[in-house]
Amino acid sequence: MTTLRVIDFMGQRKLAAILSILLVLGSLVSLSVKGIVLGLDFTGGTQIEVGYPQPADLSVIRAQLTESGFENPTVIYFGSESDVLIRLQGEPAAGLSDEVFAALKNNTDSEIEMRRVDYVGPQVGDELREDGGLGMLAALAVVMLYVAIRFQYKFSIGAVVALVHDVIITLGFFSITRLEFDLTVLAAVLAVIGYSLNDTIVVFDRIRENFRLLRTAEAKEVINESLTQSLQRTLLTSLTTIFVLVALFVFGGELIHNFAIALIVGVVIGTYSSIYVAANLLMALRMTRENLLPPEKEGEEFDGLP
């Protein structure tokens, strides 16, 4: 039987901590200065579906709309390459769809067809801004309580910091790249929270078990042993998830491109944070085997005496 070689993950904990701090600070600066490019779901606007008799060139359509005076139009395929969805931000105006259709028709010899026009209000964004923040704080509080009850309060601090770390960096990525943030991306961010927490819980469970088994080992040795044992499971889960997300990005169409990108970034960061944020914090908080022992009841030392 071969012995598993223990990887010294915690030997690089200081370098990893510096990297995490730089990523979080960079994300916060970008979010503060540049903000996030909000999609139609949050800002309100008009969606127009247009049908072409042959595959349409999105760059040409985008240029036609820009030349006609429409600012920052979003043009994507909607199903097939002959179906195009046009999104225009701002308050819906009367006759806007007719102006868009006329601009497209004047710049092409093809017989195009107006399929559908939708007006989207910004009320969803208002509700999310008001209630989403409170909901997120409540969710983090419940997560902290759950981890504290199941493990120990030091574990709960590590889990919540890892979650906040993952969310900030994912949002920062969208701020830096100026990718559009819509409801599908919000759903991806919530999925990242669940993925990251699940991965962290698996790592914490192994660390807690090894603290009880390796009684004479130091905290660094126990954490390295635990991370090495759970590494294969973590890599298999992360890689298979990323393979699926890459397939979605390549073959899923432009409607879910940003959704797939958000999940890919979140899975990579979540896997990293389970090792170098959550476990690293346990080292910083001086986690010991004694922390996991149940508190001694008063007078317990006299039990069994006559």
Protein backbone atom coordinates (compact mmCIF):
# COMPACT_ATOMS: atom_id res chain seq x y z
CA MET A 1 0.00 0.00 0.00
CA THR A 2 1.53 3.33 -1.06
CA THR A 3 1.61 6.28 1.31
CA LEU A 4 0.08 9.50 0.03
CA ARG A 5 2.71 12.22 -0.22
CA VAL A 6 1.55 15.21 1.81
CA ILE A 7 1.66 18.50 -0.11
CA ASP A 8 2.81 21.54 1.86
CA PHE A 9 -0.10 23.83 0.98
CA MET A 10 0.36 26.01 4.05
CA GLY A 11 4.00 26.62 3.15
CA GLN A 12 2.72 29.15 0.60
CA ARG A 13 0.02 30.63 2.82
CA LYS A 14 1.65 34.07 3.13
CA LEU A 15 2.06 34.41 -0.63
CA ALA A 16 -1.54 33.25 -1.12
CA ALA A 17 -2.78 35.76 1.48
CA ILE A 18 -1.01 38.59 -0.36
CA LEU A 19 -2.53 37.45 -3.67
CA SER A 20 -6.03 37.30 -2.17
CA ILE A 21 -5.68 40.75 -0.61
CA LEU A 22 -4.50 42.23 -3.91
CA LEU A 23 -7.36 40.60 -5.83
CA VAL A 24 -9.97 41.79 -3.34
CA LEU A 25 -8.56 45.32 -3.18
CA GLY A 26 -8.32 45.52 -6.97
CA SER A 27 -11.92 44.33 -7.28
CA LEU A 28 -13.15 46.83 -4.68
CA VAL A 29 -11.31 49.71 -6.38
CA SER A 30 -12.76 48.77 -9.77
CA LEU A 31 -16.26 48.41 -8.32
CA SER A 32 -15.95 51.81 -6.64
CA VAL A 33 -14.49 53.65 -9.64
CA LYS A 34 -15.97 51.91 -12.68
CA GLY A 35 -18.95 50.11 -11.18
CA ILE A 36 -20.73 47.31 -13.03
CA VAL A 37 -22.33 47.45 -16.46
CA LEU A 38 -25.91 46.64 -15.52
CA GLY A 39 -28.07 44.79 -17.99
CA LEU A 40 -31.55 45.56 -19.16
CA ASP A 41 -33.07 43.65 -16.24
CA PHE A 42 -31.76 46.29 -13.84
CA THR A 43 -31.89 49.49 -15.88
CA GLY A 44 -35.02 49.02 -17.97
CA GLY A 45 -35.26 49.36 -21.75
CA THR A 46 -36.54 47.77 -24.94
CA GLN A 47 -36.01 44.30 -26.42
CA ILE A 48 -36.68 43.79 -30.12
CA GLU A 49 -36.53 40.41 -31.86
CA VAL A 50 -35.85 40.58 -35.60
CA GLY A 51 -35.85 37.71 -38.10
CA TYR A 52 -33.53 37.55 -41.12
CA PRO A 53 -33.92 35.21 -44.11
CA GLN A 54 -30.25 34.21 -43.86
CA PRO A 55 -27.61 34.14 -41.07
CA ALA A 56 -27.11 37.68 -39.79
CA ASP A 57 -23.80 39.43 -39.09
CA LEU A 58 -24.05 40.86 -35.57
CA SER A 59 -21.18 43.31 -36.02
CA VAL A 60 -22.83 44.80 -39.11
CA ILE A 61 -26.19 45.17 -37.33
CA ARG A 62 -24.49 46.75 -34.33
CA ALA A 63 -22.71 49.25 -36.60
CA GLN A 64 -25.95 50.07 -38.42
CA LEU A 65 -27.73 50.88 -35.17
CA THR A 66 -24.82 52.95 -33.85
CA GLU A 67 -24.64 54.99 -37.06
CA SER A 68 -28.39 55.61 -36.78
CA GLY A 69 -27.94 57.22 -33.36
CA PHE A 70 -28.80 54.35 -30.99
CA GLU A 71 -26.32 54.35 -28.09
CA ASN A 72 -24.66 51.13 -26.90
CA PRO A 73 -27.03 48.64 -28.55
CA THR A 74 -26.70 45.02 -27.44
CA VAL A 75 -27.08 42.65 -30.40
CA ILE A 76 -27.07 38.87 -29.89
CA TYR A 77 -28.38 35.75 -31.56
CA PHE A 78 -31.68 34.50 -30.19
CA GLY A 79 -31.81 30.80 -31.01
CA SER A 80 -30.60 30.44 -34.59
CA GLU A 81 -28.18 32.73 -36.41
CA SER A 82 -31.06 34.22 -38.40
CA ASP A 83 -32.89 35.37 -35.27
CA VAL A 84 -31.45 38.50 -33.65
CA LEU A 85 -32.30 40.07 -30.31
CA ILE A 86 -31.61 43.80 -29.95
CA ARG A 87 -31.50 45.43 -26.52
CA LEU A 88 -31.61 49.19 -26.00
CA GLN A 89 -31.26 50.63 -22.50
CA GLY A 90 -33.20 53.61 -21.21
CA GLU A 91 -36.82 54.56 -20.78
CA PRO A 92 -38.99 52.95 -23.48
CA ALA A 93 -40.14 55.58 -26.01
CA ALA A 94 -43.12 55.48 -28.29
CA GLY A 95 -42.18 54.42 -31.80
CA LEU A 96 -38.67 53.30 -30.81
CA SER A 97 -39.14 49.83 -32.25
CA ASP A 98 -40.33 51.33 -35.57
CA GLU A 99 -37.23 53.54 -35.69
CA VAL A 100 -34.96 50.53 -35.10
CA PHE A 101 -36.75 48.49 -37.76
CA ALA A 102 -36.52 51.36 -40.23
CA ALA A 103 -32.78 51.81 -39.55
CA LEU A 104 -32.14 48.14 -40.19
CA LYS A 105 -34.31 47.99 -43.29
CA ASN A 106 -32.70 51.05 -44.86
CA ASN A 107 -29.24 49.51 -44.52
CA THR A 108 -29.94 46.09 -45.96
CA ASP A 109 -31.48 44.53 -49.06
CA SER A 110 -32.82 41.56 -47.10
CA GLU A 111 -36.47 41.16 -46.16
CA ILE A 112 -36.35 41.35 -42.39
CA GLU A 113 -39.25 40.65 -40.07
CA MET A 114 -40.19 42.23 -36.73
CA ARG A 115 -40.97 39.28 -34.46
CA ARG A 116 -41.48 40.71 -31.00
CA VAL A 117 -41.11 43.89 -28.95
CA ASP A 118 -40.84 43.86 -25.14
CA TYR A 119 -40.54 46.75 -22.72
CA VAL A 120 -38.61 45.99 -19.53
CA GLY A 121 -39.01 48.18 -16.46
CA PRO A 122 -36.25 48.79 -13.91
CA GLN A 123 -38.37 47.69 -10.95
CA VAL A 124 -36.45 44.42 -10.65
CA GLY A 125 -33.23 46.32 -10.08
CA ASP A 126 -34.88 48.56 -7.47
CA GLU A 127 -36.15 45.55 -5.53
CA LEU A 128 -32.76 43.84 -5.68
CA ARG A 129 -30.94 46.93 -4.48
CA GLU A 130 -33.28 47.29 -1.53
CA ASP A 131 -33.88 43.67 -0.54
CA GLY A 132 -30.93 41.84 -2.08
CA GLY A 133 -28.35 43.32 0.26
CA LEU A 134 -30.37 42.44 3.36
CA GLY A 135 -31.03 38.98 2.00
CA MET A 136 -27.33 38.41 1.35
CA LEU A 137 -26.40 39.52 4.87
CA ALA A 138 -29.07 37.25 6.32
CA ALA A 139 -27.78 34.32 4.25
CA LEU A 140 -24.20 34.91 5.43
CA ALA A 141 -25.41 35.09 9.04
CA VAL A 142 -27.24 31.75 8.67
CA VAL A 143 -24.15 30.19 7.05
CA MET A 144 -21.97 31.41 9.90
CA LEU A 145 -24.41 30.04 12.48
CA TYR A 146 -24.64 26.67 10.72
CA VAL A 147 -20.88 26.23 10.42
CA ALA A 148 -20.34 27.40 14.02
CA ILE A 149 -22.85 24.79 15.30
CA ARG A 150 -21.58 21.97 13.10
CA PHE A 151 -17.87 22.70 13.50
CA GLN A 152 -16.61 25.58 15.66
CA TYR A 153 -16.74 29.38 15.50
CA LYS A 154 -13.26 29.66 13.94
CA PHE A 155 -14.47 27.48 11.07
CA SER A 156 -17.48 29.75 10.57
CA ILE A 157 -15.25 32.82 10.26
CA GLY A 158 -13.14 31.05 7.63
CA ALA A 159 -16.22 29.95 5.65
CA VAL A 160 -17.85 33.39 5.58
CA VAL A 161 -14.61 35.20 4.69
CA ALA A 162 -14.07 32.73 1.84
CA LEU A 163 -17.61 33.38 0.57
CA VAL A 164 -17.19 37.16 0.67
CA HIS A 165 -13.78 36.77 -1.01
CA ASP A 166 -15.30 34.76 -3.89
CA VAL A 167 -18.25 37.10 -4.45
CA ILE A 168 -16.12 40.28 -4.44
CA ILE A 169 -13.59 38.87 -6.91
CA THR A 170 -16.32 37.57 -9.24
CA LEU A 171 -18.05 40.97 -9.23
CA GLY A 172 -14.69 42.67 -9.67
CA PHE A 173 -14.00 40.54 -12.73
CA PHE A 174 -17.21 41.80 -14.34
CA SER A 175 -16.35 45.37 -13.38
CA ILE A 176 -12.85 45.18 -14.89
CA THR A 177 -13.88 43.38 -18.09
CA ARG A 178 -17.02 45.56 -18.51
CA LEU A 179 -19.15 42.52 -19.21
CA GLU A 180 -22.88 43.05 -18.80
CA PHE A 181 -24.32 42.04 -15.42
CA ASP A 182 -27.91 40.78 -15.77
CA LEU A 183 -30.20 38.38 -13.93
CA THR A 184 -28.47 35.30 -15.40
CA VAL A 185 -25.14 36.52 -13.99
CA LEU A 186 -26.81 37.19 -10.62
CA ALA A 187 -28.05 33.60 -10.65
CA ALA A 188 -24.49 32.47 -11.41
CA VAL A 189 -23.12 34.46 -8.46
CA LEU A 190 -25.65 32.81 -6.13
CA ALA A 191 -24.63 29.41 -7.53
CA VAL A 192 -20.98 30.31 -6.85
CA ILE A 193 -21.88 30.95 -3.20
CA GLY A 194 -23.41 27.48 -2.92
CA TYR A 195 -20.49 25.82 -4.72
CA SER A 196 -17.87 27.59 -2.64
CA LEU A 197 -19.62 26.79 0.63
CA ASN A 198 -20.00 23.11 -0.29
CA ASP A 199 -16.32 22.83 -1.19
CA THR A 200 -15.29 24.58 2.02
CA ILE A 201 -17.52 22.32 4.14
CA VAL A 202 -15.90 19.21 2.62
CA VAL A 203 -12.42 20.54 3.42
CA PHE A 204 -13.44 21.58 6.95
CA ASP A 205 -14.96 18.17 7.64
CA ARG A 206 -11.67 16.46 6.78
CA ILE A 207 -9.68 18.96 8.87
CA ARG A 208 -11.91 18.42 11.90
CA GLU A 209 -11.64 14.65 11.56
CA ASN A 210 -7.84 14.75 11.29
CA PHE A 211 -7.50 17.07 14.29
CA ARG A 212 -9.06 14.28 16.33
CA LEU A 213 -7.07 11.46 14.70
CA LEU A 214 -3.62 13.09 14.54
CA ARG A 215 -3.40 14.01 18.20
CA THR A 216 0.30 14.85 18.33
CA ALA A 217 0.52 16.69 15.01
CA GLU A 218 0.70 20.47 14.74
CA ALA A 219 -2.06 22.48 13.10
CA LYS A 220 -0.04 23.04 9.92
CA GLU A 221 0.59 19.31 9.51
CA VAL A 222 -3.07 18.46 10.12
CA ILE A 223 -4.30 21.03 7.59
CA ASN A 224 -1.76 19.95 4.95
CA GLU A 225 -2.73 16.30 5.47
CA SER A 226 -6.44 17.15 5.17
CA LEU A 227 -6.02 19.25 2.04
CA THR A 228 -3.92 16.55 0.40
CA GLN A 229 -6.55 13.91 1.16
CA SER A 230 -9.38 16.03 -0.26
CA LEU A 231 -7.38 17.33 -3.25
CA GLN A 232 -8.39 14.55 -5.64
CA ARG A 233 -12.08 15.03 -4.89
CA THR A 234 -11.77 18.82 -5.20
CA LEU A 235 -9.96 18.67 -8.54
CA LEU A 236 -12.33 16.10 -10.03
CA THR A 237 -15.39 18.11 -9.00
CA SER A 238 -13.94 21.42 -10.21
CA LEU A 239 -12.62 20.09 -13.52
CA THR A 240 -15.82 18.27 -14.47
CA THR A 241 -17.82 21.39 -13.62
CA ILE A 242 -15.51 23.60 -15.68
CA PHE A 243 -15.73 21.20 -18.66
CA VAL A 244 -19.52 21.55 -18.63
CA LEU A 245 -19.31 25.33 -18.31
CA VAL A 246 -16.83 25.63 -21.17
CA ALA A 247 -19.22 23.58 -23.33
CA LEU A 248 -22.04 25.96 -22.36
CA PHE A 249 -19.88 28.95 -23.22
CA VAL A 250 -18.86 27.58 -26.62
CA PHE A 251 -22.14 26.02 -27.75
CA GLY A 252 -24.78 27.70 -25.60
CA GLY A 253 -25.08 30.93 -27.57
CA GLU A 254 -24.52 34.53 -26.55
CA LEU A 255 -27.54 34.61 -24.23
CA ILE A 256 -25.71 32.55 -21.62
CA HIS A 257 -22.11 33.58 -22.35
CA ASN A 258 -21.87 35.83 -19.30
CA PHE A 259 -23.63 33.23 -17.15
CA ALA A 260 -21.01 30.63 -18.10
CA ILE A 261 -18.14 33.09 -17.62
CA ALA A 262 -19.36 34.04 -14.13
CA LEU A 263 -19.55 30.39 -13.11
CA ILE A 264 -16.13 29.54 -14.55
CA VAL A 265 -14.53 32.43 -12.64
CA GLY A 266 -16.49 31.54 -9.49
CA VAL A 267 -15.57 27.84 -9.58
CA VAL A 268 -11.85 28.61 -10.03
CA ILE A 269 -11.87 31.22 -7.25
CA GLY A 270 -14.05 29.02 -5.01
CA THR A 271 -11.67 26.08 -5.34
CA TYR A 272 -8.71 28.33 -4.56
CA SER A 273 -10.44 29.96 -1.56
CA SER A 274 -11.31 26.61 0.04
CA ILE A 275 -7.58 25.93 0.32
CA TYR A 276 -5.86 29.29 0.62
CA VAL A 277 -8.52 31.43 2.29
CA ALA A 278 -10.68 29.23 4.51
CA ALA A 279 -7.90 26.85 5.61
CA ASN A 280 -5.39 29.70 5.76
CA LEU A 281 -7.63 31.55 8.23
CA LEU A 282 -7.68 28.52 10.49
CA MET A 283 -3.92 28.82 10.73
CA ALA A 284 -4.16 32.57 11.39
CA LEU A 285 -6.78 31.98 14.13
CA ARG A 286 -4.47 29.38 15.73
CA MET A 287 -6.86 26.45 15.41
CA THR A 288 -5.93 23.57 17.75
CA ARG A 289 -7.33 20.18 18.67
CA GLU A 290 -8.43 21.57 22.04
CA ASN A 291 -10.79 23.98 20.26
CA LEU A 292 -12.80 21.00 19.03
CA LEU A 293 -13.14 19.31 22.43
CA PRO A 294 -16.52 19.75 24.14
CA PRO A 295 -16.39 22.17 27.08
CA GLU A 296 -15.81 20.46 30.40
CA LYS A 297 -18.88 20.58 32.62
CA GLU A 298 -18.55 22.07 36.07
CA GLY A 299 -17.90 19.36 38.65
CA GLU A 300 -17.26 16.73 35.97
CA GLU A 301 -13.85 15.99 37.43
CA PHE A 302 -15.57 14.72 40.60
CA ASP A 303 -17.87 12.28 38.76
CA GLY A 304 -17.48 8.73 40.04
CA LEU A 305 -15.95 9.74 43.37
CA PRO A 306 -17.67 8.36 46.49
